[in-house]
Amino acid sequence: MKRNQFKIYFLTIASVIGLTACTNLEIEETDSIISEGFQGLADPTSTVDELYNRVGGQYGDQANFFALQEVTTDAALVPTRGTDWGDNGLWRVLHNHSWNGEHAFIGTVWNQFNANQLIASQVLDSRSNPTANNIGDASFMRAYSMWVILDNYGQVPFRDTSLPSSALPEVLTGQAALDIILADLDQAIANLPTKSAGTGAELNRASKAAARHLKAKVLLNKHIYLGTSPDSADMAQVISLVDAIAADGFALQAGYFDLFRQEADNETIWSLTSLATGNRIFNGLHYNSTAIGGGGWNGFSTLAEFYDLYEGDPNSNRVDVNGNPLDGQEERRGGVPPAGKPFTGEPGTTDNGGLEDGSNVGFGYLIGQQFALDGTPLKDRAGAPLTFKRDFVDGTGAPSFINNDETTGIRVQKYNVRYGGGFVGHEIVFRYSDAHLMKAEAMLRSGQDPTAMVNELRTLRGANPLTSVGESQLLDERGRELYQEVWRRNDMIRFGQFNRDWLFKESNEIGNTARNLFPIPPTQLLANPNLVQNPGY
């Protein structure tokens, strides 16, 4: 990374190191009242609070969960630029699909979300005397944590808190894991409060709508976990669940980039108060992109082929000072403003987010010459024009993953430095556009035509309507709408595209479906003989 260090932005120490408990799921004596095993929590409410804080740090991290879901796909990569972002290939092996069980991020995600699951189980234990609200929150968080493990590793160690701490956790796969996850979500729906759209900070905790969103996500992916075809009854449930979310007032909202600000909106279903949006902001910016926050970290980029999913000039992505597109692009592709007060995502406005020193960083995809607030063309550290480029090449112009200069790669900005410089406590996990597209997908997989639903969203985003929608078009639309929102790996697997070729993928990994699951960390296989290493590792 920059200066060969990990830059984990605004994370608590607890969220970085996680609990040491993993498949053996041991607990510290300070966590609960212990005598010959778990005996109950003294304060389940504070434990629930801490659980949300933990997930906020884990989700907001630039590494670990985010990296496993995005950097392993066509939507994100971290090339080595000079001495920056080498890290012994830590990032490159994710994008080219050559990781192994010793990869630090794979072990950390396993530890973090299994520990979350155990904490939630402790809250749900009757000896902790949980309130109805505690039960709703803990059921939701346990379901979410177990689903993350199932989706990424295919098997979930589950500890019954009534058993002695020396007992090995049972390992759940397939239907057995789904049964507990779905039962937890039904319990969450029964106990969580109904929350309306646009209620801002209230949506930092789960609601009935959030539990329904997660249940729809689980059912949409159920056939992947079972190795079967999509079930029409499951697809009907997905549609009903999304309709119930809409009944609480959640809806599509115009003004795409306004969704990623602190202000309340009608799309956010569940967000986190983590102050880690700086990871999403500064990773894609050059060191000289902005003076705010000390400049960018010059890391993450996207592939040109992913950028080309959008309408518009492939070599230019400009907007005027009011945010109006100049190169035929749709709203979600954003653009680079030349000078003057930067736009907010709403054409016709010139608000710079209230920052006195201002910032001229664009929204969406940044390509070509970048400008200072007064219109001065920016330069890189060597004094050359700061022009972000489509291609990743070395000094001879040959494609390269490891010998790039400071300007290669199209950069991505969804949260923006002008709205808080990383201190925005509104990082979206679930939003209604995702639910809307899940319903469209469920329609498609049950023999209905989702074209009108998809075009409803496209029209709102300033994109031309599609004449028909099949699997390819729907996957592309999810990519255009949900980029950098930690769904790309899950989507590509469900649509059968995670194993296709893309730039810098190892040739022997093309078509390797074993990569659909990450390996079980070797230390965990030793700790729990009930675990079995996933095929291909």
Protein backbone atom coordinates (compact mmCIF):
# COMPACT_ATOMS: atom_id res chain seq x y z
CA MET A 1 0.00 0.00 0.00
CA LYS A 2 0.95 3.65 0.15
CA ARG A 3 4.25 3.80 2.02
CA ASN A 4 4.01 -0.01 2.23
CA GLN A 5 1.57 0.18 5.11
CA PHE A 6 -1.99 -0.93 5.54
CA LYS A 7 -4.17 2.15 5.78
CA ILE A 8 -7.23 0.96 7.60
CA TYR A 9 -9.32 4.10 7.94
CA PHE A 10 -11.14 5.06 11.15
CA LEU A 11 -11.52 1.50 12.43
CA THR A 12 -11.47 0.50 16.04
CA ILE A 13 -8.84 -1.94 17.15
CA ALA A 14 -11.56 -4.42 17.94
CA SER A 15 -12.86 -4.37 14.38
CA VAL A 16 -9.38 -4.91 12.96
CA ILE A 17 -8.29 -7.83 15.09
CA GLY A 18 -11.72 -9.38 15.67
CA LEU A 19 -12.22 -11.86 18.45
CA THR A 20 -9.65 -14.60 18.70
CA ALA A 21 -12.56 -17.02 18.89
CA CYS A 22 -13.10 -18.77 15.57
CA THR A 23 -14.15 -22.34 14.94
CA ASN A 24 -13.47 -23.33 18.51
CA LEU A 25 -15.54 -20.25 19.43
CA GLU A 26 -14.11 -19.85 22.91
CA ILE A 27 -15.20 -16.79 24.88
CA GLU A 28 -13.34 -14.54 27.25
CA GLU A 29 -14.37 -14.46 30.89
CA THR A 30 -15.04 -10.72 30.58
CA ASP A 31 -17.70 -11.37 27.94
CA SER A 32 -20.24 -13.08 30.17
CA ILE A 33 -20.88 -14.83 33.45
CA ILE A 34 -19.04 -18.14 33.18
CA SER A 35 -19.09 -21.17 35.41
CA GLU A 36 -18.53 -24.51 33.73
CA GLY A 37 -19.48 -23.00 30.40
CA PHE A 38 -21.64 -20.13 29.31
CA GLN A 39 -24.17 -19.02 31.92
CA GLY A 40 -25.69 -15.89 30.38
CA LEU A 41 -24.84 -12.27 29.64
CA ALA A 42 -25.10 -9.68 32.38
CA ASP A 43 -26.14 -6.92 29.96
CA PRO A 44 -27.47 -8.21 26.60
CA THR A 45 -28.45 -4.71 25.45
CA SER A 46 -24.88 -3.40 25.61
CA THR A 47 -23.72 -6.57 23.88
CA VAL A 48 -26.13 -5.87 21.01
CA ASP A 49 -24.75 -2.33 20.80
CA GLU A 50 -21.22 -3.68 20.58
CA LEU A 51 -22.27 -6.20 17.94
CA TYR A 52 -23.52 -3.42 15.65
CA ASN A 53 -20.30 -1.49 16.27
CA ARG A 54 -18.24 -4.55 15.36
CA VAL A 55 -20.11 -5.12 12.12
CA GLY A 56 -19.75 -1.42 11.28
CA GLY A 57 -15.98 -1.66 11.53
CA GLN A 58 -15.84 -4.95 9.63
CA TYR A 59 -18.04 -3.74 6.80
CA GLY A 60 -16.30 -0.38 6.46
CA ASP A 61 -12.81 -1.88 6.27
CA GLN A 62 -11.08 -1.61 2.89
CA ALA A 63 -9.60 -5.08 3.33
CA ASN A 64 -11.14 -8.35 4.53
CA PHE A 65 -14.88 -8.52 3.73
CA PHE A 66 -14.94 -5.69 1.18
CA ALA A 67 -11.85 -7.01 -0.59
CA LEU A 68 -13.19 -10.58 -0.79
CA GLN A 69 -16.46 -9.38 -2.32
CA GLU A 70 -15.15 -6.74 -4.74
CA VAL A 71 -11.44 -7.18 -5.49
CA THR A 72 -12.08 -10.80 -6.52
CA THR A 73 -14.29 -9.55 -9.37
CA ASP A 74 -14.19 -7.53 -12.57
CA ALA A 75 -15.33 -4.41 -10.70
CA ALA A 76 -12.23 -3.67 -8.60
CA LEU A 77 -8.50 -4.29 -8.57
CA VAL A 78 -5.48 -2.92 -6.74
CA PRO A 79 -2.49 -2.73 -9.09
CA THR A 80 1.01 -2.22 -7.80
CA ARG A 81 2.23 1.27 -8.67
CA GLY A 82 5.94 1.63 -8.13
CA THR A 83 6.50 0.56 -4.53
CA ASP A 84 2.91 1.27 -3.52
CA TRP A 85 0.28 -1.42 -3.01
CA GLY A 86 2.66 -4.34 -3.51
CA ASP A 87 2.11 -5.95 -0.10
CA ASN A 88 3.64 -9.22 -1.29
CA GLY A 89 0.81 -9.73 -3.76
CA LEU A 90 -1.89 -9.65 -1.07
CA TRP A 91 -4.30 -7.69 -3.29
CA ARG A 92 -3.25 -9.05 -6.67
CA VAL A 93 -3.93 -12.71 -5.85
CA LEU A 94 -7.55 -11.86 -5.06
CA HIS A 95 -8.17 -10.30 -8.46
CA ASN A 96 -6.33 -13.01 -10.40
CA HIS A 97 -7.94 -15.83 -8.36
CA SER A 98 -4.72 -17.40 -7.10
CA TRP A 99 -5.38 -17.07 -3.35
CA ASN A 100 -4.85 -19.91 -0.87
CA GLY A 101 -5.96 -20.74 2.65
CA GLU A 102 -3.16 -18.71 4.21
CA HIS A 103 -4.46 -15.41 2.83
CA ALA A 104 -4.90 -12.99 5.72
CA PHE A 105 -8.25 -11.60 4.58
CA ILE A 106 -9.78 -15.07 4.22
CA GLY A 107 -8.81 -15.96 7.78
CA THR A 108 -9.95 -12.63 9.21
CA VAL A 109 -13.42 -12.73 7.64
CA TRP A 110 -13.89 -16.29 8.93
CA ASN A 111 -12.92 -15.24 12.44
CA GLN A 112 -14.91 -12.02 12.48
CA PHE A 113 -18.27 -13.31 11.31
CA ASN A 114 -18.09 -16.57 13.25
CA ALA A 115 -17.38 -14.50 16.36
CA ASN A 116 -20.36 -12.26 15.55
CA GLN A 117 -22.52 -15.34 15.32
CA LEU A 118 -21.42 -16.56 18.76
CA ILE A 119 -22.05 -13.17 20.35
CA ALA A 120 -25.55 -13.12 18.88
CA SER A 121 -26.18 -16.66 20.17
CA GLN A 122 -25.14 -15.54 23.64
CA VAL A 123 -27.70 -12.72 23.51
CA LEU A 124 -30.39 -15.14 22.35
CA ASP A 125 -29.68 -17.63 25.15
CA SER A 126 -32.61 -17.52 27.61
CA ARG A 127 -30.15 -17.23 30.51
CA SER A 128 -29.22 -13.77 29.20
CA ASN A 129 -32.85 -12.65 29.70
CA PRO A 130 -33.01 -10.81 26.36
CA THR A 131 -35.79 -8.33 25.68
CA ALA A 132 -37.94 -8.62 22.57
CA ASN A 133 -35.80 -5.93 20.94
CA ASN A 134 -32.63 -7.84 21.88
CA ILE A 135 -34.09 -10.98 20.31
CA GLY A 136 -34.95 -9.13 17.10
CA ASP A 137 -31.52 -7.54 16.75
CA ALA A 138 -29.56 -10.64 17.73
CA SER A 139 -31.61 -12.92 15.46
CA PHE A 140 -30.98 -10.56 12.56
CA MET A 141 -27.27 -10.24 13.26
CA ARG A 142 -26.81 -13.98 13.73
CA ALA A 143 -28.62 -14.65 10.44
CA TYR A 144 -26.50 -12.04 8.67
CA SER A 145 -23.24 -13.40 10.08
CA MET A 146 -24.12 -17.02 9.35
CA TRP A 147 -25.19 -16.09 5.83
CA VAL A 148 -21.85 -14.35 5.18
CA ILE A 149 -20.00 -17.51 6.26
CA LEU A 150 -22.27 -19.80 4.23
CA ASP A 151 -22.00 -17.62 1.14
CA ASN A 152 -18.20 -17.34 1.33
CA TYR A 153 -17.12 -20.71 2.75
CA GLY A 154 -20.06 -23.08 2.26
CA GLN A 155 -20.02 -24.43 5.82
CA VAL A 156 -20.87 -22.79 9.11
CA PRO A 157 -19.57 -23.88 12.54
CA PHE A 158 -22.43 -23.43 14.99
CA ARG A 159 -22.04 -23.59 18.77
CA ASP A 160 -24.97 -24.46 21.00
CA THR A 161 -24.40 -22.17 23.98
CA SER A 162 -26.02 -24.72 26.30
CA LEU A 163 -23.17 -27.18 25.69
CA PRO A 164 -19.86 -27.12 27.58
CA SER A 165 -17.29 -24.78 26.12
CA SER A 166 -15.07 -27.78 25.39
CA ALA A 167 -17.62 -29.20 22.92
CA LEU A 168 -16.71 -28.75 19.26
CA PRO A 169 -19.16 -26.66 17.22
CA GLU A 170 -21.45 -28.52 14.87
CA VAL A 171 -20.75 -27.74 11.21
CA LEU A 172 -23.79 -26.84 9.12
CA THR A 173 -23.99 -26.89 5.33
CA GLY A 174 -26.71 -26.51 2.71
CA GLN A 175 -30.27 -26.92 3.94
CA ALA A 176 -29.29 -27.32 7.60
CA ALA A 177 -27.56 -23.92 7.58
CA LEU A 178 -30.40 -22.34 5.64
CA ASP A 179 -32.97 -23.65 8.11
CA ILE A 180 -31.35 -21.80 11.02
CA ILE A 181 -30.72 -18.63 9.01
CA LEU A 182 -34.31 -18.45 7.74
CA ALA A 183 -35.75 -19.30 11.17
CA ASP A 184 -33.66 -16.49 12.67
CA LEU A 185 -34.95 -14.07 10.05
CA ASP A 186 -38.55 -15.02 10.76
CA GLN A 187 -37.87 -14.41 14.45
CA ALA A 188 -36.25 -11.09 13.58
CA ILE A 189 -39.24 -10.02 11.50
CA ALA A 190 -41.54 -10.90 14.40
CA ASN A 191 -39.52 -8.93 16.99
CA LEU A 192 -37.93 -6.00 15.16
CA PRO A 193 -39.79 -2.68 14.89
CA THR A 194 -41.35 -1.37 11.71
CA LYS A 195 -39.33 1.59 10.48
CA SER A 196 -40.33 3.92 7.71
CA ALA A 197 -38.20 5.17 4.87
CA GLY A 198 -36.42 8.47 5.38
CA THR A 199 -35.97 8.13 9.13
CA GLY A 200 -32.22 8.61 8.93
CA ALA A 201 -30.24 7.44 11.96
CA GLU A 202 -33.03 5.10 13.05
CA LEU A 203 -32.08 2.89 10.11
CA ASN A 204 -28.62 2.30 11.57
CA ARG A 205 -30.28 -0.58 13.43
CA ALA A 206 -32.23 -3.40 11.84
CA SER A 207 -35.96 -3.24 11.17
CA LYS A 208 -38.57 -5.58 9.75
CA ALA A 209 -37.67 -4.23 6.31
CA ALA A 210 -33.97 -5.04 6.82
CA ALA A 211 -34.80 -8.61 7.90
CA ARG A 212 -37.09 -9.02 4.89
CA HIS A 213 -34.36 -7.72 2.61
CA LEU A 214 -31.88 -10.26 3.96
CA LYS A 215 -34.44 -13.06 3.73
CA ALA A 216 -35.08 -12.17 0.09
CA LYS A 217 -31.32 -12.21 -0.54
CA VAL A 218 -30.95 -15.65 1.09
CA LEU A 219 -33.87 -17.11 -0.89
CA LEU A 220 -32.59 -15.64 -4.15
CA ASN A 221 -29.25 -17.44 -3.59
CA LYS A 222 -30.71 -20.61 -2.03
CA HIS A 223 -30.33 -22.72 -5.15
CA ILE A 224 -26.61 -21.91 -5.25
CA TYR A 225 -26.12 -23.29 -1.73
CA LEU A 226 -28.16 -26.41 -2.51
CA GLY A 227 -26.78 -27.03 -6.00
CA THR A 228 -30.28 -27.02 -7.51
CA SER A 229 -32.36 -24.85 -9.85
CA PRO A 230 -34.24 -21.79 -8.56
CA ASP A 231 -37.50 -22.78 -6.88
CA SER A 232 -40.64 -20.95 -8.02
CA ALA A 233 -41.99 -20.84 -4.45
CA ASP A 234 -38.78 -19.17 -3.26
CA MET A 235 -39.01 -16.63 -6.09
CA ALA A 236 -42.62 -15.87 -5.14
CA GLN A 237 -41.45 -15.23 -1.58
CA VAL A 238 -38.77 -12.85 -2.80
CA ILE A 239 -41.41 -10.84 -4.67
CA SER A 240 -43.70 -10.76 -1.63
CA LEU A 241 -40.85 -9.71 0.67
CA VAL A 242 -39.88 -6.81 -1.60
CA ASP A 243 -43.52 -5.73 -1.81
CA ALA A 244 -43.65 -5.71 2.01
CA ILE A 245 -40.53 -3.52 2.10
CA ALA A 246 -42.19 -1.10 -0.31
CA ALA A 247 -45.27 -1.03 1.93
CA ASP A 248 -43.09 0.55 4.64
CA GLY A 249 -42.43 3.48 2.30
CA PHE A 250 -39.06 2.44 0.85
CA ALA A 251 -38.82 3.33 -2.83
CA LEU A 252 -36.51 4.25 -5.68
CA GLN A 253 -35.17 7.78 -5.37
CA ALA A 254 -33.79 10.17 -7.96
CA GLY A 255 -30.44 11.87 -7.38
CA TYR A 256 -28.12 8.87 -7.37
CA PHE A 257 -25.11 10.32 -5.58
CA ASP A 258 -27.27 12.04 -2.97
CA LEU A 259 -28.00 8.56 -1.59
CA PHE A 260 -24.42 8.36 -0.30
CA ARG A 261 -24.58 11.44 1.89
CA GLN A 262 -25.48 11.87 5.54
CA GLU A 263 -28.97 13.19 4.77
CA ALA A 264 -31.98 10.88 5.03
CA ASP A 265 -33.31 9.29 1.85
CA ASN A 266 -36.08 6.91 0.82
CA GLU A 267 -33.80 4.12 -0.42
CA THR A 268 -31.67 3.29 2.62
CA ILE A 269 -33.02 0.23 4.45
CA TRP A 270 -30.04 -0.49 6.68
CA SER A 271 -26.88 1.58 7.06
CA LEU A 272 -24.05 1.61 9.57
CA THR A 273 -22.69 4.43 11.70
CA SER A 274 -19.13 3.38 10.97
CA LEU A 275 -16.96 6.40 10.25
CA ALA A 276 -15.09 4.40 7.65
CA THR A 277 -16.48 5.74 4.39
CA GLY A 278 -13.01 7.27 4.01
CA ASN A 279 -11.85 3.84 2.85
CA ARG A 280 -14.24 4.07 -0.10
CA ILE A 281 -13.21 7.67 -0.81
CA PHE A 282 -9.45 7.92 -0.46
CA ASN A 283 -8.52 4.53 -1.89
CA GLY A 284 -9.46 5.67 -5.37
CA LEU A 285 -7.96 9.14 -5.25
CA HIS A 286 -4.43 10.14 -6.21
CA TYR A 287 -2.24 11.71 -3.56
CA ASN A 288 -2.79 15.10 -5.25
CA SER A 289 -6.52 14.72 -5.96
CA THR A 290 -7.52 16.74 -2.92
CA ALA A 291 -5.94 18.50 0.03
CA ILE A 292 -8.76 17.29 2.26
CA GLY A 293 -7.71 14.42 4.50
CA GLY A 294 -4.10 14.77 3.36
CA GLY A 295 -4.80 13.48 -0.14
CA GLY A 296 -5.73 10.10 -1.56
CA TRP A 297 -4.03 6.71 -1.23
CA ASN A 298 -3.90 5.87 -4.96
CA GLY A 299 -5.03 2.29 -4.67
CA PHE A 300 -8.30 0.86 -5.98
CA SER A 301 -9.38 1.11 -9.62
CA THR A 302 -11.82 -0.63 -11.91
CA LEU A 303 -11.40 -2.49 -15.18
CA ALA A 304 -12.18 -0.70 -18.43
CA GLU A 305 -14.56 -3.53 -19.33
CA PHE A 306 -16.64 -2.81 -16.23
CA TYR A 307 -16.67 0.93 -16.95
CA ASP A 308 -17.82 0.12 -20.48
CA LEU A 309 -21.05 -1.37 -19.12
CA TYR A 310 -22.31 2.22 -18.97
CA GLU A 311 -23.55 4.42 -21.81
CA GLY A 312 -21.26 7.20 -22.98
CA ASP A 313 -17.91 7.97 -24.56
CA PRO A 314 -15.51 5.22 -23.43
CA ASN A 315 -12.55 7.60 -23.35
CA SER A 316 -14.07 10.62 -21.67
CA ASN A 317 -16.36 11.15 -18.70
CA ARG A 318 -16.92 14.87 -18.16
CA VAL A 319 -19.63 16.98 -16.61
CA ASP A 320 -20.08 20.73 -16.46
CA VAL A 321 -19.86 22.65 -13.19
CA ASN A 322 -23.53 21.87 -12.49
CA GLY A 323 -23.14 18.13 -13.00
CA ASN A 324 -24.75 17.93 -16.44
CA PRO A 325 -23.17 15.14 -18.52
CA LEU A 326 -21.04 16.17 -21.51
CA ASP A 327 -20.10 12.76 -22.92
CA GLY A 328 -23.43 10.97 -23.27
CA GLN A 329 -23.13 9.16 -19.96
CA GLU A 330 -25.94 8.16 -17.65
CA GLU A 331 -26.13 9.64 -14.15
CA ARG A 332 -24.55 6.65 -12.37
CA ARG A 333 -21.34 6.93 -14.39
CA GLY A 334 -20.86 10.41 -12.92
CA GLY A 335 -18.08 12.51 -14.34
CA VAL A 336 -15.17 14.91 -13.85
CA PRO A 337 -16.03 18.62 -13.39
CA PRO A 338 -13.56 21.01 -15.01
CA ALA A 339 -13.67 23.89 -12.53
CA GLY A 340 -15.87 25.92 -10.25
CA LYS A 341 -18.07 24.71 -7.44
CA PRO A 342 -18.42 20.93 -7.83
CA PHE A 343 -21.81 19.40 -8.40
CA THR A 344 -23.76 17.37 -5.84
CA GLY A 345 -25.21 14.74 -8.14
CA GLU A 346 -28.32 16.82 -8.84
CA PRO A 347 -28.02 18.67 -12.17
CA GLY A 348 -28.62 22.39 -11.85
CA THR A 349 -27.03 22.83 -8.41
CA THR A 350 -23.62 24.14 -7.42
CA ASP A 351 -23.48 23.20 -3.75
CA ASN A 352 -20.01 22.06 -2.69
CA GLY A 353 -21.22 20.28 0.41
CA GLY A 354 -20.41 23.10 2.78
CA LEU A 355 -16.63 22.65 2.67
CA GLU A 356 -14.92 26.01 2.91
CA ASP A 357 -11.78 24.89 1.09
CA GLY A 358 -13.81 22.95 -1.49
CA SER A 359 -12.91 19.96 -3.57
CA ASN A 360 -13.25 19.35 -7.26
CA VAL A 361 -13.26 15.56 -7.09
CA GLY A 362 -15.92 14.16 -9.40
CA PHE A 363 -18.51 11.49 -8.75
CA GLY A 364 -18.72 7.99 -10.14
CA TYR A 365 -15.94 7.05 -12.55
CA LEU A 366 -12.95 9.36 -12.90
CA ILE A 367 -11.04 9.20 -16.18
CA GLY A 368 -8.87 11.69 -18.01
CA GLN A 369 -7.47 14.98 -16.72
CA GLN A 370 -8.36 15.93 -13.15
CA PHE A 371 -8.76 19.55 -12.06
CA ALA A 372 -8.36 21.73 -8.99
CA LEU A 373 -11.28 23.81 -7.78
CA ASP A 374 -10.06 26.86 -9.74
CA GLY A 375 -9.79 24.84 -12.94
CA THR A 376 -6.02 24.32 -12.81
CA PRO A 377 -5.09 20.92 -14.27
CA LEU A 378 -3.69 18.73 -11.51
CA LYS A 379 -0.34 16.94 -11.78
CA ASP A 380 1.03 13.73 -10.32
CA ARG A 381 4.01 13.67 -7.96
CA ALA A 382 6.48 13.64 -10.85
CA GLY A 383 4.90 16.73 -12.38
CA ALA A 384 3.14 14.95 -15.24
CA PRO A 385 -0.57 15.61 -15.92
CA LEU A 386 -2.84 13.79 -13.48
CA THR A 387 -4.82 11.86 -16.07
CA PHE A 388 -6.49 8.63 -14.99
CA LYS A 389 -6.23 6.07 -17.79
CA ARG A 390 -8.24 3.05 -18.94
CA ASP A 391 -5.27 0.71 -19.16
CA PHE A 392 -2.77 -0.79 -16.74
CA VAL A 393 0.61 -0.69 -18.47
CA ASP A 394 4.29 -0.49 -17.65
CA GLY A 395 6.77 2.03 -19.05
CA THR A 396 6.87 0.25 -22.42
CA GLY A 397 3.09 0.26 -22.83
CA ALA A 398 2.73 -3.47 -22.14
CA PRO A 399 -0.12 -4.65 -19.88
CA SER A 400 1.14 -4.95 -16.32
CA PHE A 401 -0.26 -5.67 -12.90
CA ILE A 402 2.93 -4.77 -11.05
CA ASN A 403 4.78 -1.98 -12.92
CA ASN A 404 2.19 0.78 -13.22
CA ASP A 405 2.74 4.49 -12.85
CA GLU A 406 0.65 6.73 -10.59
CA THR A 407 -2.13 7.40 -13.10
CA THR A 408 -3.17 4.05 -14.51
CA GLY A 409 -6.70 2.84 -13.90
CA ILE A 410 -10.15 4.41 -13.87
CA ARG A 411 -10.98 5.53 -10.33
CA VAL A 412 -14.31 5.20 -8.55
CA GLN A 413 -16.03 7.67 -6.19
CA LYS A 414 -19.47 6.95 -4.70
CA TYR A 415 -19.11 8.53 -1.29
CA ASN A 416 -17.34 11.83 -1.79
CA VAL A 417 -14.70 13.78 0.06
CA ARG A 418 -16.64 17.04 -0.21
CA TYR A 419 -19.35 15.66 2.07
CA GLY A 420 -17.25 14.92 5.09
CA GLY A 421 -13.91 13.48 4.09
CA GLY A 422 -14.64 10.03 5.51
CA PHE A 423 -16.49 11.14 8.60
CA VAL A 424 -19.93 10.41 7.14
CA GLY A 425 -21.68 7.96 9.47
CA HIS A 426 -23.95 6.59 6.76
CA GLU A 427 -22.54 3.55 5.01
CA ILE A 428 -25.31 1.72 3.19
CA VAL A 429 -25.63 -2.06 3.55
CA PHE A 430 -29.17 -2.58 2.19
CA ARG A 431 -31.08 -0.18 -0.05
CA TYR A 432 -34.25 -0.33 -2.07
CA SER A 433 -32.69 -0.35 -5.56
CA ASP A 434 -31.15 -3.71 -4.65
CA ALA A 435 -34.55 -4.97 -3.47
CA HIS A 436 -36.15 -3.65 -6.66
CA LEU A 437 -33.64 -5.57 -8.79
CA MET A 438 -34.02 -8.68 -6.61
CA LYS A 439 -37.73 -8.62 -7.39
CA ALA A 440 -36.97 -8.23 -11.09
CA GLU A 441 -34.62 -11.21 -10.90
CA ALA A 442 -37.18 -13.33 -9.06
CA MET A 443 -39.67 -12.49 -11.81
CA LEU A 444 -37.18 -13.52 -14.49
CA ARG A 445 -36.36 -16.80 -12.72
CA SER A 446 -40.06 -17.64 -12.41
CA GLY A 447 -40.85 -17.05 -16.07
CA GLN A 448 -42.08 -13.44 -15.91
CA ASP A 449 -40.80 -10.45 -17.87
CA PRO A 450 -38.83 -7.98 -15.69
CA THR A 451 -38.09 -5.49 -18.47
CA ALA A 452 -40.51 -2.83 -17.24
CA MET A 453 -39.12 -3.01 -13.69
CA VAL A 454 -35.54 -2.67 -14.87
CA ASN A 455 -36.45 0.21 -17.17
CA GLU A 456 -38.18 2.00 -14.31
CA LEU A 457 -34.81 2.18 -12.57
CA ARG A 458 -32.88 3.01 -15.74
CA THR A 459 -35.18 5.90 -16.59
CA LEU A 460 -34.68 7.33 -13.09
CA ARG A 461 -30.90 7.12 -13.59
CA GLY A 462 -30.89 8.81 -16.99
CA ALA A 463 -30.16 5.66 -19.00
CA ASN A 464 -31.91 4.55 -22.17
CA PRO A 465 -34.56 1.83 -21.73
CA LEU A 466 -33.74 -1.75 -22.70
CA THR A 467 -35.86 -3.60 -25.24
CA SER A 468 -35.62 -6.86 -23.27
CA VAL A 469 -34.01 -8.15 -20.11
CA GLY A 470 -32.44 -11.56 -19.65
CA GLU A 471 -29.80 -12.81 -17.21
CA SER A 472 -26.94 -10.95 -18.89
CA GLN A 473 -28.76 -7.62 -18.90
CA LEU A 474 -29.88 -8.06 -15.30
CA LEU A 475 -26.37 -8.84 -14.04
CA ASP A 476 -25.05 -5.80 -15.89
CA GLU A 477 -27.77 -3.61 -14.40
CA ARG A 478 -26.96 -4.79 -10.89
CA GLY A 479 -23.31 -3.94 -11.59
CA ARG A 480 -24.17 -0.45 -12.82
CA GLU A 481 -26.43 0.32 -9.86
CA LEU A 482 -24.62 -1.41 -6.98
CA TYR A 483 -20.91 -1.01 -7.75
CA GLN A 484 -18.71 -0.87 -4.65
CA GLU A 485 -21.63 -1.91 -2.42
CA VAL A 486 -20.14 -5.34 -1.66
CA TRP A 487 -22.49 -7.40 -3.90
CA ARG A 488 -20.43 -8.09 -7.03
CA ARG A 489 -18.95 -11.48 -6.09
CA ASN A 490 -22.31 -12.78 -4.87
CA ASP A 491 -24.03 -11.57 -8.04
CA MET A 492 -21.43 -12.98 -10.42
CA ILE A 493 -21.61 -16.41 -8.77
CA ARG A 494 -25.41 -16.48 -8.93
CA PHE A 495 -25.36 -15.58 -12.63
CA GLY A 496 -22.54 -18.04 -13.42
CA GLN A 497 -19.97 -15.36 -14.37
CA PHE A 498 -17.49 -15.43 -11.48
CA ASN A 499 -15.21 -17.90 -13.26
CA ARG A 500 -15.06 -16.21 -16.65
CA ASP A 501 -11.95 -14.48 -17.98
CA TRP A 502 -11.02 -10.88 -17.24
CA LEU A 503 -7.84 -8.79 -17.28
CA PHE A 504 -5.00 -10.30 -15.20
CA LYS A 505 -6.93 -13.42 -14.14
CA GLU A 506 -4.66 -16.48 -14.11
CA SER A 507 -5.35 -18.51 -17.25
CA ASN A 508 -5.58 -21.78 -15.33
CA GLU A 509 -8.27 -20.27 -13.09
CA ILE A 510 -10.68 -19.50 -15.93
CA GLY A 511 -13.65 -21.82 -15.49
CA ASN A 512 -12.51 -23.00 -12.05
CA THR A 513 -15.76 -23.18 -10.09
CA ALA A 514 -13.86 -24.20 -6.94
CA ARG A 515 -13.14 -20.47 -6.54
CA ASN A 516 -16.83 -19.88 -5.81
CA LEU A 517 -15.94 -20.71 -2.21
CA PHE A 518 -12.95 -19.59 -0.21
CA PRO A 519 -10.83 -22.19 1.57
CA ILE A 520 -11.34 -22.99 5.22
CA PRO A 521 -8.28 -21.54 6.99
CA PRO A 522 -5.91 -24.42 7.83
CA THR A 523 -5.71 -23.48 11.52
CA GLN A 524 -9.46 -23.90 11.76
CA LEU A 525 -9.35 -27.38 10.23
CA LEU A 526 -6.99 -28.35 13.02
CA ALA A 527 -9.15 -26.70 15.67
CA ASN A 528 -12.38 -28.39 14.56
CA PRO A 529 -12.19 -31.82 12.88
CA ASN A 530 -15.86 -31.46 11.92
CA LEU A 531 -14.76 -29.04 9.20
CA VAL A 532 -13.71 -30.37 5.79
CA GLN A 533 -11.57 -28.39 3.38
CA ASN A 534 -13.46 -27.12 0.36
CA PRO A 535 -12.71 -28.83 -2.98
CA GLY A 536 -9.83 -27.40 -4.97
CA TYR A 537 -7.71 -26.30 -1.99
